[in-house]
């Protein structure tokens, strides 16, 4: 069984996140608290955590300063911290961003696995760069984060589970600056057949959790047991790199890797170990030993959209994007998952979309999911996008 089902997606998110060691079982108390007042202690020493400085204002109030890993930087101010109560009470936590505006509505969890939005009545936006949270403490620790915590270990858990499919193999294509493995999954059903590849990558930017929540069900639909998926895999191989920035995810970075570089501005220069791993992996497509026909890069932004080539730019397959998104639009109601297509010619900027189109002439698309899109529709839409992708490529295969 795959991890999600569109009717119970909230629970499925919890299942996916729980592929990693639950935060509640990690002994973060062994290291010093970031700060502590009479009511509670604050910890920021678990994977994905970010809270840089703390000021105690009273026995029931404190301020956390949230700094980026370096600057200049995109305004994607990630935060995550644990509150360990000394006793019950109401704690006010002010978040102060040093180089950004408040972006992500806080999520709350008592186990690091099941997440809910913090009630709006508990949030007071003081200014663009400061927000106050009122946290009701019980007899157990509580986690607060910008988005559901989806760690590098959770990605690895999904990779390990997916590798158990008989036609899927796992490989390490490189390592991050801090030595974390960068995994790929490759689905090949007939080693003797010369079949083109579709390629999916994700998590170049650590806070972009909703992009990961789309990549997983999209990939699982393509790797699934439906007649459509089986027929598709008879004609195409699948290559997936789900987490390109494991260091950034682990450190709770806003945007960059540990070299202070936006990986999605390094396609072409390839100055970082993470993008160099991709460059090495894709050499076979440059050399012609294997063929690639589609590239999708999963991200998050303010709303649901897809960045594509224009219809005037020739691609091979021809007009794939136009036909694919028309088919999706016929099935996906706006009241379930509204999305837009943003056509833009190749600007030369070293992002994945531009590099892959310039290098291979293929449809190269950035699949963006809204930060605050409801989680259930993310999975519904991803399944439909994947189904129509397969149908569109198979239809074009049939007419060639």
Protein backbone atom coordinates (compact mmCIF):
# COMPACT_ATOMS: atom_id res chain seq x y z
CA UNK A 1 0.00 0.00 0.00
CA UNK A 2 1.20 3.48 -0.79
CA UNK A 3 1.24 6.15 1.86
CA UNK A 4 -1.71 8.33 0.92
CA UNK A 5 -5.36 8.02 0.06
CA UNK A 6 -7.24 11.09 -1.00
CA UNK A 7 -10.08 10.53 1.47
CA UNK A 8 -7.79 10.35 4.51
CA UNK A 9 -4.93 12.60 3.51
CA UNK A 10 -4.47 14.30 6.88
CA UNK A 11 -3.73 10.95 8.48
CA UNK A 12 -1.57 9.98 5.54
CA UNK A 13 0.63 13.03 6.02
CA UNK A 14 1.17 11.81 9.55
CA UNK A 15 2.07 8.36 8.20
CA UNK A 16 4.57 9.83 5.76
CA UNK A 17 6.22 12.01 8.38
CA UNK A 18 6.37 9.03 10.73
CA UNK A 19 8.64 7.21 8.28
CA UNK A 20 11.36 8.94 10.30
CA UNK A 21 12.09 8.49 13.99
CA UNK A 22 9.32 10.45 15.74
CA UNK A 23 10.55 13.71 17.24
CA UNK A 24 8.89 12.77 20.50
CA UNK A 25 11.34 9.87 20.95
CA UNK A 26 14.46 11.93 20.27
CA UNK A 27 16.23 12.84 23.48
CA UNK A 28 16.62 16.55 22.82
CA UNK A 29 16.75 17.18 26.59
CA UNK A 30 20.35 15.92 26.60
CA UNK A 31 21.52 19.27 25.24
CA UNK A 32 21.03 22.73 26.63
CA UNK A 33 17.78 24.54 26.09
CA UNK A 34 17.86 27.63 23.91
CA UNK A 35 16.19 29.43 26.81
CA UNK A 36 13.95 28.74 29.79
CA UNK A 37 11.57 30.67 31.98
CA UNK A 38 9.39 29.61 34.88
CA UNK A 39 6.78 28.10 32.60
CA UNK A 40 8.76 26.21 29.93
CA UNK A 41 12.03 25.49 28.14
CA UNK A 42 12.60 26.06 24.42
CA UNK A 43 14.64 23.61 22.35
CA UNK A 44 15.89 24.04 18.79
CA UNK A 45 18.22 21.07 18.50
CA UNK A 46 16.29 18.46 16.51
CA UNK A 47 16.35 17.86 12.73
CA UNK A 48 14.65 20.73 10.84
CA UNK A 49 14.65 23.02 13.90
CA UNK A 50 15.31 26.75 13.53
CA UNK A 51 15.18 29.35 16.28
CA UNK A 52 18.41 31.27 16.66
CA UNK A 53 18.17 33.50 19.73
CA UNK A 54 15.85 33.78 22.69
CA UNK A 55 14.99 36.60 25.07
CA UNK A 56 13.05 35.96 28.28
CA UNK A 57 10.57 38.78 28.84
CA UNK A 58 8.66 37.38 31.81
CA UNK A 59 7.66 34.12 33.46
CA UNK A 60 5.03 33.63 30.73
CA UNK A 61 6.49 35.42 27.71
CA UNK A 62 9.58 35.17 25.51
CA UNK A 63 10.85 36.25 22.10
CA UNK A 64 12.50 33.96 19.54
CA UNK A 65 14.64 35.53 16.83
CA UNK A 66 14.54 33.66 13.53
CA UNK A 67 17.63 34.23 11.36
CA UNK A 68 18.36 32.89 7.86
CA UNK A 69 21.35 30.70 7.14
CA UNK A 70 22.92 33.56 5.18
CA UNK A 71 21.81 36.53 3.11
CA UNK A 72 20.65 37.85 0.73
CA UNK A 73 17.92 35.26 0.71
CA UNK A 74 14.38 34.61 -0.43
CA UNK A 75 11.70 35.50 2.12
CA UNK A 76 10.84 31.94 3.16
CA UNK A 77 11.32 32.30 6.90
CA UNK A 78 11.21 28.77 8.25
CA UNK A 79 10.99 28.16 11.99
CA UNK A 80 10.60 25.07 14.14
CA UNK A 81 11.08 24.61 17.87
CA UNK A 82 10.00 22.48 20.80
CA UNK A 83 8.41 23.74 24.01
CA UNK A 84 8.94 21.54 27.05
CA UNK A 85 6.57 22.71 29.82
CA UNK A 86 7.55 22.87 33.46
CA UNK A 87 3.86 23.03 34.34
CA UNK A 88 0.54 23.87 32.73
CA UNK A 89 -0.12 27.42 31.67
CA UNK A 90 -0.33 29.85 28.77
CA UNK A 91 2.96 30.85 27.16
CA UNK A 92 3.31 33.79 24.79
CA UNK A 93 6.00 33.31 22.15
CA UNK A 94 6.87 36.25 19.92
CA UNK A 95 8.59 35.33 16.64
CA UNK A 96 10.86 38.07 15.33
CA UNK A 97 12.32 37.66 11.84
CA UNK A 98 15.66 39.37 11.27
CA UNK A 99 15.59 39.44 7.46
CA UNK A 100 12.10 38.55 6.26
CA UNK A 101 8.38 38.92 6.70
CA UNK A 102 6.18 36.37 8.44
CA UNK A 103 5.06 33.88 5.79
CA UNK A 104 3.97 30.53 7.19
CA UNK A 105 0.97 30.13 9.54
CA UNK A 106 2.21 28.10 12.53
CA UNK A 107 1.46 24.40 12.82
CA UNK A 108 1.29 22.59 16.16
CA UNK A 109 2.02 18.97 17.09
CA UNK A 110 2.34 17.02 20.32
CA UNK A 111 4.27 14.14 18.79
CA UNK A 112 6.05 15.58 15.73
CA UNK A 113 3.86 13.42 13.51
CA UNK A 114 0.27 14.67 13.65
CA UNK A 115 0.00 18.36 12.80
CA UNK A 116 -2.74 20.96 12.93
CA UNK A 117 -2.91 24.66 12.24
CA UNK A 118 -2.59 26.76 15.37
CA UNK A 119 -5.96 28.43 15.93
CA UNK A 120 -6.19 31.93 14.46
CA UNK A 121 -7.37 33.19 17.83
CA UNK A 122 -3.94 32.27 19.19
CA UNK A 123 -2.03 34.32 16.58
CA UNK A 124 -1.48 38.07 16.58
CA UNK A 125 0.46 39.63 13.72
CA UNK A 126 2.26 42.56 15.32
CA UNK A 127 4.06 43.73 12.17
CA UNK A 128 5.34 42.31 8.90
CA UNK A 129 8.33 40.80 10.68
CA UNK A 130 6.86 39.93 14.08
CA UNK A 131 4.03 37.67 15.18
CA UNK A 132 2.82 36.63 18.61
CA UNK A 133 1.69 33.07 19.41
CA UNK A 134 -0.26 32.06 22.49
CA UNK A 135 0.48 28.43 23.33
CA UNK A 136 -1.59 26.54 25.88
CA UNK A 137 0.77 24.14 27.63
CA UNK A 138 -0.27 20.76 28.95
CA UNK A 139 1.70 17.99 30.60
CA UNK A 140 3.59 17.10 27.42
CA UNK A 141 6.00 18.77 25.00
CA UNK A 142 4.66 20.62 21.99
CA UNK A 143 6.24 21.36 18.62
CA UNK A 144 5.63 24.55 16.66
CA UNK A 145 6.75 24.80 13.03
CA UNK A 146 6.20 26.79 9.86
CA UNK A 147 4.96 23.66 8.08
CA UNK A 148 4.60 20.01 8.97
CA UNK A 149 8.05 18.68 9.76
CA UNK A 150 9.07 16.45 6.86
CA UNK A 151 12.67 15.59 7.60
CA UNK A 152 15.47 14.10 5.53
CA UNK A 153 14.89 10.89 7.48
CA UNK A 154 11.23 10.90 6.40
CA UNK A 155 12.35 11.20 2.79
CA UNK A 156 14.71 8.27 3.35
CA UNK A 157 11.89 6.27 4.89
CA UNK A 158 9.79 6.77 1.78
CA UNK A 159 12.75 5.85 -0.44
CA UNK A 160 13.32 2.64 1.53
CA UNK A 161 9.65 1.69 1.31
CA UNK A 162 9.39 2.44 -2.40
CA UNK A 163 12.55 0.47 -3.16
CA UNK A 164 10.69 -2.68 -2.11
CA UNK A 165 8.71 -2.59 -5.35
CA UNK A 166 10.19 -5.31 -7.58
CA UNK A 167 10.93 -2.96 -10.49
CA UNK A 168 12.41 -0.10 -8.41
CA UNK A 169 16.06 0.26 -7.44
CA UNK A 170 17.67 2.72 -5.04
CA UNK A 171 21.01 4.41 -5.69
CA UNK A 172 23.14 7.09 -4.04
CA UNK A 173 24.10 9.56 -6.77
CA UNK A 174 26.21 11.80 -4.55
CA UNK A 175 26.55 13.34 -1.13
CA UNK A 176 25.77 16.74 0.29
CA UNK A 177 28.35 19.13 1.73
CA UNK A 178 27.91 17.48 5.13
CA UNK A 179 28.03 13.99 3.66
CA UNK A 180 24.35 13.10 3.61
CA UNK A 181 23.34 10.76 0.77
CA UNK A 182 21.36 12.05 -2.19
CA UNK A 183 19.12 9.20 -3.29
CA UNK A 184 17.54 8.39 -6.57
CA UNK A 185 14.88 5.82 -7.31
CA UNK A 186 14.85 4.27 -10.75
CA UNK A 187 11.92 2.25 -12.07
CA UNK A 188 12.82 -0.03 -14.98
CA UNK A 189 10.56 -2.93 -15.97
CA UNK A 190 12.62 -4.35 -18.84
CA UNK A 191 16.39 -3.98 -18.72
CA UNK A 192 16.75 -5.06 -22.34
CA UNK A 193 14.36 -2.47 -23.76
CA UNK A 194 15.58 1.00 -24.73
CA UNK A 195 12.94 3.21 -23.17
CA UNK A 196 12.99 6.97 -22.58
CA UNK A 197 12.94 8.44 -19.10
CA UNK A 198 10.68 10.78 -17.21
CA UNK A 199 12.48 12.52 -14.34
CA UNK A 200 11.10 14.05 -11.14
CA UNK A 201 13.17 16.00 -8.58
CA UNK A 202 12.23 17.78 -5.37
CA UNK A 203 13.13 19.59 -2.17
CA UNK A 204 15.79 21.91 -3.58
CA UNK A 205 14.40 24.49 -1.13
CA UNK A 206 13.98 23.12 2.42
CA UNK A 207 10.75 24.88 3.55
CA UNK A 208 8.83 23.77 0.46
CA UNK A 209 7.04 20.91 2.14
CA UNK A 210 3.88 21.10 0.04
CA UNK A 211 5.96 20.40 -3.06
CA UNK A 212 7.12 17.20 -1.40
CA UNK A 213 3.51 16.38 -0.52
CA UNK A 214 2.78 16.51 -4.26
CA UNK A 215 5.87 14.66 -5.49
CA UNK A 216 5.12 11.61 -3.33
CA UNK A 217 1.56 10.84 -4.53
CA UNK A 218 2.46 11.87 -8.08
CA UNK A 219 5.35 9.39 -8.07
CA UNK A 220 3.29 6.68 -6.41
CA UNK A 221 0.58 7.01 -9.03
CA UNK A 222 3.18 6.44 -11.75
CA UNK A 223 4.70 3.53 -9.80
CA UNK A 224 1.32 2.09 -8.87
CA UNK A 225 -0.55 -1.04 -9.86
CA UNK A 226 -3.17 0.43 -12.19
CA UNK A 227 -3.40 -0.77 -15.78
CA UNK A 228 -2.47 2.74 -16.89
CA UNK A 229 0.68 2.81 -14.76
CA UNK A 230 1.74 -0.66 -15.91
CA UNK A 231 1.23 0.30 -19.55
CA UNK A 232 3.18 3.49 -18.98
CA UNK A 233 6.11 1.65 -17.43
CA UNK A 234 6.14 -0.72 -20.39
CA UNK A 235 7.02 2.31 -22.52
CA UNK A 236 8.93 4.59 -20.12
CA UNK A 237 11.46 4.40 -17.32
CA UNK A 238 11.12 6.63 -14.25
CA UNK A 239 13.88 8.43 -12.32
CA UNK A 240 13.13 10.24 -9.05
CA UNK A 241 15.41 12.36 -6.83
CA UNK A 242 13.04 13.29 -3.99
CA UNK A 243 15.37 15.31 -1.76
CA UNK A 244 18.18 17.28 -3.38
CA UNK A 245 19.02 19.32 -0.27
CA UNK A 246 19.19 17.01 2.75
CA UNK A 247 21.53 19.33 4.68
CA UNK A 248 19.27 22.32 4.23
CA UNK A 249 16.24 20.30 5.31
CA UNK A 250 18.07 19.00 8.40
CA UNK A 251 19.26 22.44 9.49
CA UNK A 252 15.93 24.15 8.92
CA UNK A 253 17.38 26.42 6.25
CA UNK A 254 15.15 28.97 4.60
CA UNK A 255 16.42 28.40 1.06
CA UNK A 256 20.04 27.37 0.61
CA UNK A 257 22.38 24.43 1.04
CA UNK A 258 25.20 24.54 3.58
CA UNK A 259 27.35 26.38 1.04
CA UNK A 260 24.92 29.27 1.19
CA UNK A 261 23.78 28.65 -2.39
CA UNK A 262 20.27 28.41 -3.83
CA UNK A 263 20.51 25.06 -5.60
CA UNK A 264 17.88 26.13 -8.11
CA UNK A 265 20.20 28.89 -9.25
CA UNK A 266 23.08 26.47 -9.82
CA UNK A 267 21.88 24.42 -12.80
CA UNK A 268 24.59 25.04 -15.36
CA UNK A 269 27.31 26.39 -13.10
CA UNK A 270 27.06 23.23 -10.94
CA UNK A 271 29.28 24.61 -8.19
CA UNK A 272 27.75 22.61 -5.33
CA UNK A 273 28.05 18.88 -4.50
CA UNK A 274 24.28 18.46 -4.65
CA UNK A 275 23.90 19.88 -8.16
CA UNK A 276 27.12 18.22 -9.29
CA UNK A 277 25.49 14.90 -8.39
CA UNK A 278 22.63 15.77 -10.74
CA UNK A 279 25.05 16.82 -13.48
CA UNK A 280 26.85 13.46 -13.24
CA UNK A 281 23.58 11.54 -13.20
CA UNK A 282 22.28 13.33 -16.29
CA UNK A 283 25.46 12.84 -18.33
CA UNK A 284 23.92 9.74 -19.86
CA UNK A 285 21.19 11.93 -21.34
CA UNK A 286 23.78 14.36 -22.71
CA UNK A 287 25.82 11.53 -24.18
CA UNK A 288 22.78 9.90 -25.76
CA UNK A 289 23.10 6.56 -24.01
CA UNK A 290 19.66 7.21 -22.53
CA UNK A 291 16.87 9.52 -23.65
CA UNK A 292 14.81 11.87 -21.49
CA UNK A 293 11.38 13.13 -22.56
CA UNK A 294 10.04 15.00 -19.51
CA UNK A 295 11.42 16.78 -16.45
CA UNK A 296 9.35 17.91 -13.45
CA UNK A 297 10.76 19.87 -10.50
CA UNK A 298 8.47 20.05 -7.45
CA UNK A 299 8.40 23.25 -5.37
CA UNK A 300 6.14 25.41 -3.20
CA UNK A 301 5.13 29.04 -3.53
CA UNK A 302 2.20 31.31 -2.68
CA UNK A 303 -0.30 29.50 -4.95
CA UNK A 304 -0.69 26.45 -7.19
CA UNK A 305 0.93 26.97 -10.58
CA UNK A 306 3.17 25.40 -13.19
CA UNK A 307 6.04 27.27 -14.81
CA UNK A 308 6.38 26.00 -18.38
CA UNK A 309 7.85 26.81 -21.74
CA UNK A 310 5.63 28.84 -24.04
CA UNK A 311 3.65 27.01 -26.70
CA UNK A 312 5.77 28.85 -29.28
CA UNK A 313 8.92 27.17 -28.00
CA UNK A 314 9.37 23.79 -29.71
CA UNK A 315 9.61 20.77 -27.45
CA UNK A 316 10.06 17.09 -28.06
CA UNK A 317 7.46 15.67 -27.44
CA UNK A 318 5.64 18.48 -29.24
CA UNK A 319 2.85 20.31 -27.40
CA UNK A 320 3.01 17.88 -24.50
CA UNK A 321 2.49 20.58 -21.89
CA UNK A 322 -0.49 22.13 -23.66
CA UNK A 323 -2.23 18.79 -24.12
CA UNK A 324 -1.39 17.55 -20.61
CA UNK A 325 -2.69 20.60 -18.78
CA UNK A 326 -5.82 20.79 -20.92
CA UNK A 327 -6.61 17.22 -19.95
CA UNK A 328 -5.99 17.94 -16.27
CA UNK A 329 -8.15 21.06 -16.41
CA UNK A 330 -11.08 19.02 -17.71
CA UNK A 331 -10.93 16.73 -14.67
CA UNK A 332 -9.84 19.01 -11.85
CA UNK A 333 -12.43 21.50 -10.59
CA UNK A 334 -11.20 24.88 -9.41
CA UNK A 335 -13.04 24.44 -6.13
CA UNK A 336 -10.91 21.36 -5.46
CA UNK A 337 -7.51 22.53 -6.71
CA UNK A 338 -7.21 25.75 -8.67
CA UNK A 339 -3.99 26.14 -10.62
CA UNK A 340 -2.58 28.36 -13.34
CA UNK A 341 -0.04 27.83 -16.06
CA UNK A 342 2.68 30.48 -16.25
CA UNK A 343 4.33 30.37 -19.69
CA UNK A 344 7.71 32.03 -19.91
CA UNK A 345 10.49 31.84 -22.50
CA UNK A 346 13.91 30.64 -21.43
CA UNK A 347 15.48 33.60 -19.61
CA UNK A 348 18.92 32.05 -19.31
CA UNK A 349 18.70 32.10 -15.52
CA UNK A 350 20.40 28.92 -14.18
CA UNK A 351 17.28 27.22 -12.83
CA UNK A 352 16.39 23.59 -13.49
CA UNK A 353 13.57 24.40 -15.92
CA UNK A 354 15.77 26.54 -18.17
CA UNK A 355 18.76 24.20 -18.02
CA UNK A 356 16.79 21.07 -18.87
CA UNK A 357 14.97 22.71 -21.77
CA UNK A 358 18.13 24.27 -23.18
CA UNK A 359 20.05 20.99 -22.84
CA UNK A 360 17.46 18.51 -24.11
CA UNK A 361 14.64 20.43 -25.79
CA UNK A 362 12.11 18.60 -23.63
CA UNK A 363 9.15 19.88 -21.63
CA UNK A 364 10.81 21.03 -18.41
CA UNK A 365 8.28 22.17 -15.86
CA UNK A 366 8.32 23.58 -12.34
CA UNK A 367 5.36 22.13 -10.43
CA UNK A 368 4.56 24.65 -7.68
CA UNK A 369 2.13 23.96 -4.83
CA UNK A 370 0.69 26.71 -2.65
CA UNK A 371 2.11 27.02 0.85
CA UNK A 372 -1.36 26.96 2.35
CA UNK A 373 -3.15 24.66 -0.08
CA UNK A 374 -5.26 22.13 1.82
CA UNK A 375 -3.33 18.89 2.07
CA UNK A 376 -6.07 16.58 0.82
CA UNK A 377 -6.47 18.41 -2.54
CA UNK A 378 -2.70 18.31 -3.02
CA UNK A 379 -2.91 14.51 -3.23
CA UNK A 380 -6.09 14.52 -5.32
CA UNK A 381 -4.49 16.87 -7.83
CA UNK A 382 -1.16 15.06 -7.90
CA UNK A 383 -2.90 11.80 -8.76
CA UNK A 384 -4.82 13.44 -11.61
CA UNK A 385 -1.74 15.26 -12.92
CA UNK A 386 0.16 11.96 -12.92
CA UNK A 387 -2.61 10.04 -14.65
CA UNK A 388 -2.98 12.62 -17.39
CA UNK A 389 0.79 12.85 -17.82
CA UNK A 390 0.90 9.13 -18.50
CA UNK A 391 -2.07 9.26 -20.87
CA UNK A 392 -0.62 12.19 -22.80
CA UNK A 393 2.80 10.62 -23.24
CA UNK A 394 1.29 7.28 -24.23
CA UNK A 395 -0.96 8.96 -26.79
CA UNK A 396 2.02 10.73 -28.32
CA UNK A 397 3.96 7.46 -28.30
CA UNK A 398 1.13 5.78 -30.22
CA UNK A 399 1.15 8.36 -33.03
CA UNK A 400 4.92 8.38 -33.53
